[in-house]
Amino acid sequence: MNRLLIIVDYQNDFVQGTLGFPEASSYYDRILALMDGFQKSGDEVVFTRDLHDENYLHTEEGRNLPVLHCQKGTDGAKFYGDLENRSRSSRVFEKETFPSLALAEYLARHDYNTIVLCGLDLSICVLANAVMAKSACPNAHIVVDVSASGSGDPEAKEVALKSLKRLQIECRDLSKEHKGYF
């Protein structure tokens, strides 16, 4: 089986910084377990990193989400916990907005059977990158692991989950699978 894990924007500013929320840190151990399981199975793990410069508030995203976050060179832009170190052995797609076009182009050049996404914010960046993955790999089974993904806005999270399901992207708690999906 040719599988890929995409860890979306699990960065300090989304966990404990300017866009953080209380439950965000609770996904950390599950993300580590997913990463370990994929790597142990010989499957690929990639990351997306939200990254902005000082001009952020003058961008389309910044005008609509006027909260400085994930600025280049700051601790807020680093991956949370040990993921900053662990990401060095994986491909990292830096992005200026919600989805990563570079990630979609990368996916389109590969033949994945299954793509699993996790991270933050489920209602924005995880959603956007899951849709990009579905577009880039229309025959792959796309899954969002809800045990390793979340949002600070419960209502937006529910809307995102309904939207993902309508787009034939499976949303399930992989931690409840036999041996954690591995």
N, C-alpha and C. Protein backbone atom coordinates (compact mmCIF):
# COMPACT_ATOMS: atom_id res chain seq x y z
N MET A 1 0.85 -1.18 0.00
CA MET A 1 0.00 0.00 0.00
C MET A 1 0.89 1.24 0.00
N ASN A 2 0.60 2.17 -0.84
CA ASN A 2 1.35 3.42 -0.96
C ASN A 2 0.58 4.52 -0.25
N ARG A 3 0.96 4.82 1.01
CA ARG A 3 0.22 5.78 1.82
C ARG A 3 1.07 7.01 2.12
N LEU A 4 0.38 8.10 2.41
CA LEU A 4 1.01 9.36 2.75
C LEU A 4 0.29 9.97 3.94
N LEU A 5 1.06 10.50 4.88
CA LEU A 5 0.53 11.28 6.00
C LEU A 5 0.91 12.73 5.77
N ILE A 6 -0.07 13.62 5.82
CA ILE A 6 0.17 15.06 5.72
C ILE A 6 -0.16 15.69 7.07
N ILE A 7 0.85 16.24 7.72
CA ILE A 7 0.66 16.95 9.00
C ILE A 7 0.54 18.43 8.66
N VAL A 8 -0.64 18.97 8.86
CA VAL A 8 -0.96 20.33 8.43
C VAL A 8 -0.78 21.33 9.57
N ASP A 9 0.17 22.24 9.40
CA ASP A 9 0.31 23.45 10.22
C ASP A 9 0.26 23.22 11.73
N TYR A 10 0.85 22.15 12.21
CA TYR A 10 0.86 21.93 13.66
C TYR A 10 2.01 22.76 14.25
N GLN A 11 1.80 24.07 14.25
CA GLN A 11 2.82 25.05 14.61
C GLN A 11 2.46 25.74 15.91
N ASN A 12 3.48 26.30 16.55
CA ASN A 12 3.30 26.93 17.86
C ASN A 12 2.18 27.97 17.88
N ASP A 13 2.09 28.83 16.89
CA ASP A 13 1.05 29.86 16.90
C ASP A 13 -0.36 29.28 16.81
N PHE A 14 -0.52 28.08 16.24
CA PHE A 14 -1.84 27.45 16.17
C PHE A 14 -2.14 26.61 17.41
N VAL A 15 -1.10 26.25 18.15
CA VAL A 15 -1.29 25.43 19.35
C VAL A 15 -1.42 26.31 20.59
N GLN A 16 -0.43 27.17 20.80
CA GLN A 16 -0.40 27.96 22.04
C GLN A 16 -0.19 29.45 21.80
N GLY A 17 -0.12 29.85 20.54
CA GLY A 17 0.15 31.25 20.22
C GLY A 17 -1.10 32.03 19.88
N THR A 18 -0.96 32.97 18.97
CA THR A 18 -2.02 33.92 18.66
C THR A 18 -3.31 33.28 18.14
N LEU A 19 -3.22 32.13 17.50
CA LEU A 19 -4.41 31.44 17.00
C LEU A 19 -4.62 30.10 17.71
N GLY A 20 -3.96 29.92 18.84
CA GLY A 20 -4.08 28.68 19.61
C GLY A 20 -5.43 28.57 20.29
N PHE A 21 -5.75 27.35 20.72
CA PHE A 21 -6.98 27.10 21.47
C PHE A 21 -6.72 25.95 22.43
N PRO A 22 -7.47 25.85 23.52
CA PRO A 22 -7.15 24.92 24.60
C PRO A 22 -6.92 23.47 24.18
N GLU A 23 -7.71 22.94 23.26
CA GLU A 23 -7.58 21.52 22.88
C GLU A 23 -6.44 21.25 21.91
N ALA A 24 -5.84 22.27 21.35
CA ALA A 24 -4.85 22.08 20.28
C ALA A 24 -3.67 21.21 20.71
N SER A 25 -3.19 21.39 21.92
CA SER A 25 -2.04 20.60 22.37
C SER A 25 -2.40 19.14 22.59
N SER A 26 -3.68 18.83 22.74
CA SER A 26 -4.09 17.44 23.00
C SER A 26 -3.90 16.54 21.79
N TYR A 27 -3.68 17.09 20.62
CA TYR A 27 -3.49 16.29 19.41
C TYR A 27 -2.04 15.85 19.22
N TYR A 28 -1.14 16.41 19.98
CA TYR A 28 0.29 16.20 19.80
C TYR A 28 0.68 14.72 19.86
N ASP A 29 0.31 14.02 20.91
CA ASP A 29 0.70 12.61 21.04
C ASP A 29 0.13 11.76 19.91
N ARG A 30 -1.07 12.06 19.50
CA ARG A 30 -1.69 11.30 18.41
C ARG A 30 -0.96 11.55 17.09
N ILE A 31 -0.56 12.81 16.85
CA ILE A 31 0.19 13.12 15.64
C ILE A 31 1.53 12.40 15.65
N LEU A 32 2.21 12.36 16.79
CA LEU A 32 3.47 11.62 16.89
C LEU A 32 3.25 10.14 16.60
N ALA A 33 2.17 9.57 17.14
CA ALA A 33 1.87 8.15 16.91
C ALA A 33 1.60 7.88 15.43
N LEU A 34 0.85 8.77 14.79
CA LEU A 34 0.61 8.61 13.35
C LEU A 34 1.92 8.65 12.57
N MET A 35 2.73 9.64 12.89
CA MET A 35 4.02 9.80 12.20
C MET A 35 4.87 8.55 12.37
N ASP A 36 4.97 8.07 13.60
CA ASP A 36 5.76 6.87 13.88
C ASP A 36 5.22 5.66 13.12
N GLY A 37 3.91 5.50 13.10
CA GLY A 37 3.30 4.37 12.42
C GLY A 37 3.53 4.40 10.92
N PHE A 38 3.38 5.57 10.33
CA PHE A 38 3.61 5.69 8.89
C PHE A 38 5.07 5.41 8.56
N GLN A 39 5.97 5.99 9.33
CA GLN A 39 7.39 5.78 9.05
C GLN A 39 7.79 4.32 9.26
N LYS A 40 7.27 3.69 10.30
CA LYS A 40 7.58 2.29 10.57
C LYS A 40 7.07 1.38 9.45
N SER A 41 5.96 1.77 8.83
CA SER A 41 5.40 1.00 7.73
C SER A 41 6.06 1.31 6.39
N GLY A 42 7.03 2.23 6.40
CA GLY A 42 7.72 2.60 5.17
C GLY A 42 6.94 3.57 4.32
N ASP A 43 5.92 4.20 4.90
CA ASP A 43 5.12 5.18 4.18
C ASP A 43 5.68 6.58 4.41
N GLU A 44 5.28 7.48 3.55
CA GLU A 44 5.83 8.84 3.56
C GLU A 44 5.05 9.76 4.50
N VAL A 45 5.79 10.71 5.09
CA VAL A 45 5.21 11.75 5.94
C VAL A 45 5.69 13.09 5.41
N VAL A 46 4.75 14.03 5.21
CA VAL A 46 5.11 15.39 4.82
C VAL A 46 4.39 16.37 5.74
N PHE A 47 4.87 17.60 5.74
CA PHE A 47 4.31 18.66 6.57
C PHE A 47 3.95 19.85 5.70
N THR A 48 2.96 20.62 6.15
CA THR A 48 2.78 21.97 5.61
C THR A 48 3.12 22.94 6.73
N ARG A 49 3.72 24.06 6.34
CA ARG A 49 4.08 25.10 7.31
C ARG A 49 3.50 26.43 6.81
N ASP A 50 2.59 26.99 7.60
CA ASP A 50 2.05 28.31 7.32
C ASP A 50 3.16 29.31 7.62
N LEU A 51 3.41 30.23 6.72
CA LEU A 51 4.54 31.14 6.88
C LEU A 51 4.21 32.49 6.25
N HIS A 52 4.36 33.55 7.04
CA HIS A 52 4.02 34.89 6.58
C HIS A 52 5.16 35.87 6.84
N ASP A 53 5.16 36.94 6.06
CA ASP A 53 6.14 38.00 6.30
C ASP A 53 5.44 39.20 6.95
N GLU A 54 6.17 40.28 7.10
CA GLU A 54 5.64 41.47 7.79
C GLU A 54 4.50 42.14 7.02
N ASN A 55 4.30 41.78 5.78
CA ASN A 55 3.25 42.36 4.95
C ASN A 55 1.91 41.61 5.08
N TYR A 56 1.84 40.64 5.97
CA TYR A 56 0.69 39.74 6.07
C TYR A 56 -0.65 40.48 6.15
N LEU A 57 -0.75 41.51 6.97
CA LEU A 57 -2.03 42.20 7.16
C LEU A 57 -2.53 42.89 5.89
N HIS A 58 -1.67 43.03 4.89
CA HIS A 58 -2.05 43.66 3.63
C HIS A 58 -2.35 42.63 2.53
N THR A 59 -2.32 41.35 2.89
CA THR A 59 -2.67 40.29 1.94
C THR A 59 -4.17 40.03 2.01
N GLU A 60 -4.69 39.30 1.05
CA GLU A 60 -6.11 38.93 1.07
C GLU A 60 -6.46 38.18 2.35
N GLU A 61 -5.63 37.21 2.71
CA GLU A 61 -5.88 36.45 3.94
C GLU A 61 -5.81 37.37 5.15
N GLY A 62 -4.79 38.21 5.21
CA GLY A 62 -4.60 39.10 6.36
C GLY A 62 -5.71 40.11 6.54
N ARG A 63 -6.30 40.57 5.46
CA ARG A 63 -7.43 41.49 5.57
C ARG A 63 -8.66 40.80 6.13
N ASN A 64 -8.79 39.50 5.87
CA ASN A 64 -9.94 38.73 6.35
C ASN A 64 -9.69 37.99 7.65
N LEU A 65 -8.44 37.75 7.98
CA LEU A 65 -8.03 37.12 9.23
C LEU A 65 -6.90 38.00 9.80
N PRO A 66 -7.26 39.16 10.36
CA PRO A 66 -6.23 40.13 10.76
C PRO A 66 -5.56 39.81 12.10
N VAL A 67 -4.94 38.65 12.15
CA VAL A 67 -4.21 38.21 13.33
C VAL A 67 -2.81 37.81 12.88
N LEU A 68 -1.79 38.55 13.33
CA LEU A 68 -0.42 38.19 12.96
C LEU A 68 -0.09 36.82 13.53
N HIS A 69 0.43 35.95 12.68
CA HIS A 69 0.78 34.60 13.12
C HIS A 69 1.81 34.00 12.16
N CYS A 70 2.54 33.03 12.66
CA CYS A 70 3.49 32.25 11.87
C CYS A 70 4.39 33.14 11.01
N GLN A 71 4.93 34.19 11.61
CA GLN A 71 5.82 35.07 10.88
C GLN A 71 7.20 34.43 10.76
N LYS A 72 7.80 34.60 9.59
CA LYS A 72 9.12 34.05 9.32
C LYS A 72 10.09 34.44 10.43
N GLY A 73 10.87 33.46 10.87
CA GLY A 73 11.90 33.70 11.87
C GLY A 73 11.44 33.74 13.31
N THR A 74 10.14 33.51 13.56
CA THR A 74 9.64 33.54 14.93
C THR A 74 9.41 32.13 15.46
N ASP A 75 9.35 32.00 16.78
CA ASP A 75 9.03 30.71 17.38
C ASP A 75 7.62 30.26 17.02
N GLY A 76 6.73 31.21 16.79
CA GLY A 76 5.36 30.87 16.42
C GLY A 76 5.26 30.11 15.11
N ALA A 77 6.22 30.30 14.23
CA ALA A 77 6.22 29.62 12.93
C ALA A 77 6.80 28.21 13.02
N LYS A 78 7.46 27.89 14.11
CA LYS A 78 8.05 26.55 14.27
C LYS A 78 6.97 25.52 14.58
N PHE A 79 7.25 24.27 14.19
CA PHE A 79 6.35 23.19 14.55
C PHE A 79 6.38 22.99 16.06
N TYR A 80 5.26 22.57 16.59
CA TYR A 80 5.08 22.39 18.02
C TYR A 80 5.89 21.19 18.54
N GLY A 81 6.42 21.35 19.74
CA GLY A 81 7.13 20.26 20.41
C GLY A 81 8.30 19.76 19.60
N ASP A 82 8.48 18.45 19.60
CA ASP A 82 9.60 17.83 18.90
C ASP A 82 9.37 17.73 17.39
N LEU A 83 8.21 18.16 16.92
CA LEU A 83 7.95 18.07 15.48
C LEU A 83 8.89 18.95 14.67
N GLU A 84 9.38 20.03 15.26
CA GLU A 84 10.34 20.88 14.52
C GLU A 84 11.58 20.06 14.17
N ASN A 85 12.10 19.31 15.14
CA ASN A 85 13.26 18.45 14.87
C ASN A 85 12.89 17.28 13.97
N ARG A 86 11.77 16.65 14.24
CA ARG A 86 11.37 15.47 13.49
C ARG A 86 11.01 15.78 12.04
N SER A 87 10.59 17.01 11.78
CA SER A 87 10.22 17.40 10.41
C SER A 87 11.43 17.46 9.48
N ARG A 88 12.61 17.53 10.04
CA ARG A 88 13.82 17.64 9.22
C ARG A 88 14.07 16.41 8.35
N SER A 89 13.46 15.29 8.72
CA SER A 89 13.62 14.08 7.91
C SER A 89 12.48 13.91 6.91
N SER A 90 11.64 14.93 6.80
CA SER A 90 10.48 14.88 5.90
C SER A 90 10.46 16.10 4.98
N ARG A 91 9.68 16.01 3.95
CA ARG A 91 9.46 17.15 3.06
C ARG A 91 8.51 18.11 3.76
N VAL A 92 8.85 19.42 3.72
CA VAL A 92 8.02 20.46 4.32
C VAL A 92 7.60 21.43 3.21
N PHE A 93 6.29 21.63 3.08
CA PHE A 93 5.75 22.56 2.09
C PHE A 93 5.37 23.85 2.79
N GLU A 94 6.13 24.91 2.53
CA GLU A 94 5.81 26.21 3.10
C GLU A 94 4.71 26.84 2.26
N LYS A 95 3.78 27.52 2.93
CA LYS A 95 2.65 28.10 2.21
C LYS A 95 2.27 29.44 2.82
N GLU A 96 1.74 30.32 1.99
CA GLU A 96 1.35 31.65 2.43
C GLU A 96 -0.13 31.77 2.73
N THR A 97 -0.90 30.76 2.37
CA THR A 97 -2.33 30.79 2.60
C THR A 97 -2.80 29.38 2.93
N PHE A 98 -4.09 29.18 2.95
CA PHE A 98 -4.66 27.96 3.50
C PHE A 98 -4.18 26.67 2.83
N PRO A 99 -4.37 26.50 1.52
CA PRO A 99 -3.86 25.28 0.89
C PRO A 99 -2.46 25.50 0.32
N SER A 100 -1.80 24.40 0.05
CA SER A 100 -0.47 24.46 -0.57
C SER A 100 -0.56 23.95 -2.00
N LEU A 101 -0.39 24.86 -2.94
CA LEU A 101 -0.38 24.46 -4.35
C LEU A 101 0.83 23.56 -4.64
N ALA A 102 1.96 23.85 -4.00
CA ALA A 102 3.16 23.01 -4.18
C ALA A 102 2.88 21.58 -3.70
N LEU A 103 2.16 21.43 -2.62
CA LEU A 103 1.78 20.10 -2.14
C LEU A 103 0.89 19.41 -3.16
N ALA A 104 -0.09 20.11 -3.69
CA ALA A 104 -0.99 19.51 -4.68
C ALA A 104 -0.22 19.07 -5.92
N GLU A 105 0.72 19.88 -6.36
CA GLU A 105 1.54 19.51 -7.53
C GLU A 105 2.39 18.28 -7.21
N TYR A 106 2.91 18.20 -6.01
CA TYR A 106 3.69 17.04 -5.58
C TYR A 106 2.81 15.79 -5.57
N LEU A 107 1.62 15.91 -5.01
CA LEU A 107 0.70 14.77 -4.95
C LEU A 107 0.33 14.26 -6.33
N ALA A 108 0.13 15.18 -7.26
CA ALA A 108 -0.28 14.81 -8.62
C ALA A 108 0.79 13.99 -9.33
N ARG A 109 2.03 14.10 -8.89
CA ARG A 109 3.13 13.33 -9.51
C ARG A 109 3.33 11.96 -8.86
N HIS A 110 2.52 11.62 -7.87
CA HIS A 110 2.67 10.36 -7.16
C HIS A 110 1.38 9.56 -7.22
N ASP A 111 1.49 8.27 -6.97
CA ASP A 111 0.35 7.38 -7.05
C ASP A 111 0.04 6.82 -5.66
N TYR A 112 -0.58 7.65 -4.83
CA TYR A 112 -0.93 7.21 -3.48
C TYR A 112 -2.27 6.50 -3.48
N ASN A 113 -2.36 5.42 -2.69
CA ASN A 113 -3.63 4.73 -2.50
C ASN A 113 -4.45 5.43 -1.42
N THR A 114 -3.75 5.87 -0.37
CA THR A 114 -4.39 6.48 0.78
C THR A 114 -3.59 7.70 1.21
N ILE A 115 -4.31 8.78 1.49
CA ILE A 115 -3.70 10.00 2.02
C ILE A 115 -4.45 10.35 3.30
N VAL A 116 -3.71 10.45 4.40
CA VAL A 116 -4.29 10.82 5.69
C VAL A 116 -3.81 12.21 6.05
N LEU A 117 -4.72 13.06 6.47
CA LEU A 117 -4.36 14.41 6.92
C LEU A 117 -4.71 14.56 8.39
N CYS A 118 -3.91 15.38 9.07
CA CYS A 118 -4.18 15.73 10.45
C CYS A 118 -3.57 17.11 10.70
N GLY A 119 -3.94 17.73 11.79
CA GLY A 119 -3.34 19.01 12.15
C GLY A 119 -4.35 20.09 12.43
N LEU A 120 -3.92 21.33 12.19
CA LEU A 120 -4.72 22.50 12.56
C LEU A 120 -4.82 23.47 11.39
N ASP A 121 -5.73 24.23 11.34
CA ASP A 121 -7.07 24.22 11.85
C ASP A 121 -7.93 23.38 10.92
N LEU A 122 -8.66 22.44 11.49
CA LEU A 122 -9.44 21.52 10.68
C LEU A 122 -10.42 22.26 9.78
N SER A 123 -10.98 23.36 10.26
CA SER A 123 -12.01 24.07 9.50
C SER A 123 -11.45 25.01 8.44
N ILE A 124 -10.13 25.15 8.38
CA ILE A 124 -9.53 26.03 7.38
C ILE A 124 -8.44 25.28 6.61
N CYS A 125 -7.27 25.13 7.19
CA CYS A 125 -6.12 24.59 6.45
C CYS A 125 -6.19 23.09 6.21
N VAL A 126 -6.67 22.32 7.19
CA VAL A 126 -6.82 20.89 6.95
C VAL A 126 -7.87 20.68 5.86
N LEU A 127 -8.99 21.36 5.96
CA LEU A 127 -10.03 21.28 4.95
C LEU A 127 -9.49 21.65 3.57
N ALA A 128 -8.81 22.78 3.46
CA ALA A 128 -8.31 23.25 2.16
C ALA A 128 -7.31 22.27 1.55
N ASN A 129 -6.42 21.72 2.37
CA ASN A 129 -5.42 20.78 1.84
C ASN A 129 -6.03 19.42 1.53
N ALA A 130 -7.07 19.02 2.25
CA ALA A 130 -7.76 17.78 1.92
C ALA A 130 -8.45 17.89 0.56
N VAL A 131 -9.05 19.04 0.29
CA VAL A 131 -9.69 19.26 -1.00
C VAL A 131 -8.64 19.27 -2.11
N MET A 132 -7.49 19.89 -1.86
CA MET A 132 -6.41 19.89 -2.84
C MET A 132 -5.92 18.45 -3.09
N ALA A 133 -5.81 17.65 -2.03
CA ALA A 133 -5.37 16.26 -2.18
C ALA A 133 -6.37 15.48 -3.01
N LYS A 134 -7.65 15.71 -2.78
CA LYS A 134 -8.69 15.02 -3.55
C LYS A 134 -8.61 15.41 -5.02
N SER A 135 -8.31 16.66 -5.29
CA SER A 135 -8.18 17.12 -6.67
C SER A 135 -6.94 16.55 -7.34
N ALA A 136 -5.84 16.51 -6.60
CA ALA A 136 -4.57 16.05 -7.16
C ALA A 136 -4.53 14.53 -7.32
N CYS A 137 -5.22 13.82 -6.46
CA CYS A 137 -5.22 12.35 -6.48
C CYS A 137 -6.67 11.85 -6.40
N PRO A 138 -7.45 12.01 -7.46
CA PRO A 138 -8.88 11.73 -7.39
C PRO A 138 -9.22 10.27 -7.09
N ASN A 139 -8.30 9.35 -7.31
CA ASN A 139 -8.58 7.95 -7.04
C ASN A 139 -8.02 7.47 -5.71
N ALA A 140 -7.34 8.33 -4.99
CA ALA A 140 -6.82 7.96 -3.67
C ALA A 140 -7.94 8.07 -2.64
N HIS A 141 -7.83 7.26 -1.61
CA HIS A 141 -8.76 7.35 -0.48
C HIS A 141 -8.20 8.42 0.45
N ILE A 142 -8.96 9.51 0.63
CA ILE A 142 -8.52 10.63 1.45
C ILE A 142 -9.24 10.54 2.79
N VAL A 143 -8.45 10.63 3.88
CA VAL A 143 -8.99 10.51 5.24
C VAL A 143 -8.48 11.67 6.07
N VAL A 144 -9.36 12.29 6.84
CA VAL A 144 -8.96 13.26 7.87
C VAL A 144 -9.13 12.56 9.20
N ASP A 145 -8.03 12.43 9.94
CA ASP A 145 -8.07 11.79 11.25
C ASP A 145 -8.55 12.81 12.28
N VAL A 146 -9.78 12.64 12.74
CA VAL A 146 -10.36 13.60 13.68
C VAL A 146 -9.78 13.46 15.09
N SER A 147 -9.03 12.39 15.35
CA SER A 147 -8.38 12.26 16.65
C SER A 147 -7.08 13.07 16.71
N ALA A 148 -6.65 13.61 15.55
CA ALA A 148 -5.40 14.36 15.48
C ALA A 148 -5.59 15.69 14.76
N SER A 149 -6.82 16.17 14.75
CA SER A 149 -7.15 17.42 14.04
C SER A 149 -8.21 18.17 14.82
N GLY A 150 -8.12 19.48 14.79
CA GLY A 150 -9.13 20.24 15.51
C GLY A 150 -9.22 21.68 15.07
N SER A 151 -10.16 22.37 15.70
CA SER A 151 -10.41 23.77 15.42
C SER A 151 -10.84 24.46 16.72
N GLY A 152 -10.49 25.71 16.84
CA GLY A 152 -10.92 26.49 18.00
C GLY A 152 -12.36 26.93 17.90
N ASP A 153 -12.99 26.68 16.77
CA ASP A 153 -14.38 27.07 16.53
C ASP A 153 -15.19 25.79 16.29
N PRO A 154 -15.88 25.30 17.33
CA PRO A 154 -16.63 24.03 17.20
C PRO A 154 -17.66 24.04 16.07
N GLU A 155 -18.35 25.16 15.86
CA GLU A 155 -19.34 25.23 14.79
C GLU A 155 -18.68 25.13 13.42
N ALA A 156 -17.57 25.84 13.23
CA ALA A 156 -16.84 25.77 11.96
C ALA A 156 -16.30 24.36 11.73
N LYS A 157 -15.88 23.70 12.79
CA LYS A 157 -15.39 22.32 12.67
C LYS A 157 -16.49 21.40 12.15
N GLU A 158 -17.69 21.53 12.69
CA GLU A 158 -18.80 20.68 12.24
C GLU A 158 -19.16 20.95 10.79
N VAL A 159 -19.15 22.21 10.39
CA VAL A 159 -19.42 22.56 8.99
C VAL A 159 -18.34 21.94 8.09
N ALA A 160 -17.08 22.03 8.52
CA ALA A 160 -15.98 21.47 7.74
C ALA A 160 -16.13 19.96 7.59
N LEU A 161 -16.45 19.27 8.68
CA LEU A 161 -16.61 17.82 8.62
C LEU A 161 -17.74 17.43 7.65
N LYS A 162 -18.84 18.15 7.70
CA LYS A 162 -19.94 17.87 6.77
C LYS A 162 -19.50 18.14 5.33
N SER A 163 -18.77 19.20 5.11
CA SER A 163 -18.29 19.53 3.75
C SER A 163 -17.34 18.46 3.25
N LEU A 164 -16.40 18.03 4.10
CA LEU A 164 -15.44 17.00 3.70
C LEU A 164 -16.17 15.71 3.32
N LYS A 165 -17.12 15.31 4.12
CA LYS A 165 -17.87 14.09 3.83
C LYS A 165 -18.61 14.18 2.50
N ARG A 166 -19.19 15.35 2.21
CA ARG A 166 -19.90 15.54 0.93
C ARG A 166 -18.94 15.46 -0.25
N LEU A 167 -17.67 15.78 -0.01
CA LEU A 167 -16.66 15.70 -1.06
C LEU A 167 -15.99 14.33 -1.12
N GLN A 168 -16.58 13.35 -0.44
CA GLN A 168 -16.09 11.97 -0.40
C GLN A 168 -14.71 11.87 0.25
N ILE A 169 -14.49 12.70 1.24
CA ILE A 169 -13.28 12.64 2.05
C ILE A 169 -13.73 12.09 3.40
N GLU A 170 -13.17 10.95 3.77
CA GLU A 170 -13.61 10.28 4.99
C GLU A 170 -13.05 11.00 6.22
N CYS A 171 -13.91 11.17 7.21
CA CYS A 171 -13.51 11.78 8.48
C CYS A 171 -13.76 10.74 9.56
N ARG A 172 -12.67 10.26 10.17
CA ARG A 172 -12.87 9.26 11.22
C ARG A 172 -11.73 9.31 12.23
N ASP A 173 -11.99 8.72 13.36
CA ASP A 173 -11.03 8.66 14.46
C ASP A 173 -10.18 7.42 14.27
N LEU A 174 -9.00 7.60 13.69
CA LEU A 174 -8.13 6.46 13.41
C LEU A 174 -7.51 5.87 14.67
N SER A 175 -7.56 6.59 15.78
CA SER A 175 -7.01 6.05 17.03
C SER A 175 -7.84 4.87 17.53
N LYS A 176 -9.07 4.74 17.04
CA LYS A 176 -9.94 3.64 17.45
C LYS A 176 -9.80 2.43 16.54
N GLU A 177 -8.98 2.55 15.51
CA GLU A 177 -8.76 1.44 14.59
C GLU A 177 -7.86 0.40 15.26
N HIS A 178 -7.91 -0.80 14.77
CA HIS A 178 -7.05 -1.87 15.27
C HIS A 178 -5.58 -1.43 15.19
N LYS A 179 -4.93 -1.41 16.29
CA LYS A 179 -3.52 -0.99 16.38
C LYS A 179 -3.29 0.40 15.81
N GLY A 180 -4.29 1.29 15.99
CA GLY A 180 -4.11 2.68 15.59
C GLY A 180 -3.93 2.90 14.12
N TYR A 181 -4.57 2.06 13.27
CA TYR A 181 -4.56 2.18 11.83
C TYR A 181 -3.31 1.54 11.20
N PHE A 182 -2.53 0.82 11.97
CA PHE A 182 -1.33 0.21 11.41
C PHE A 182 -1.35 -1.28 11.64
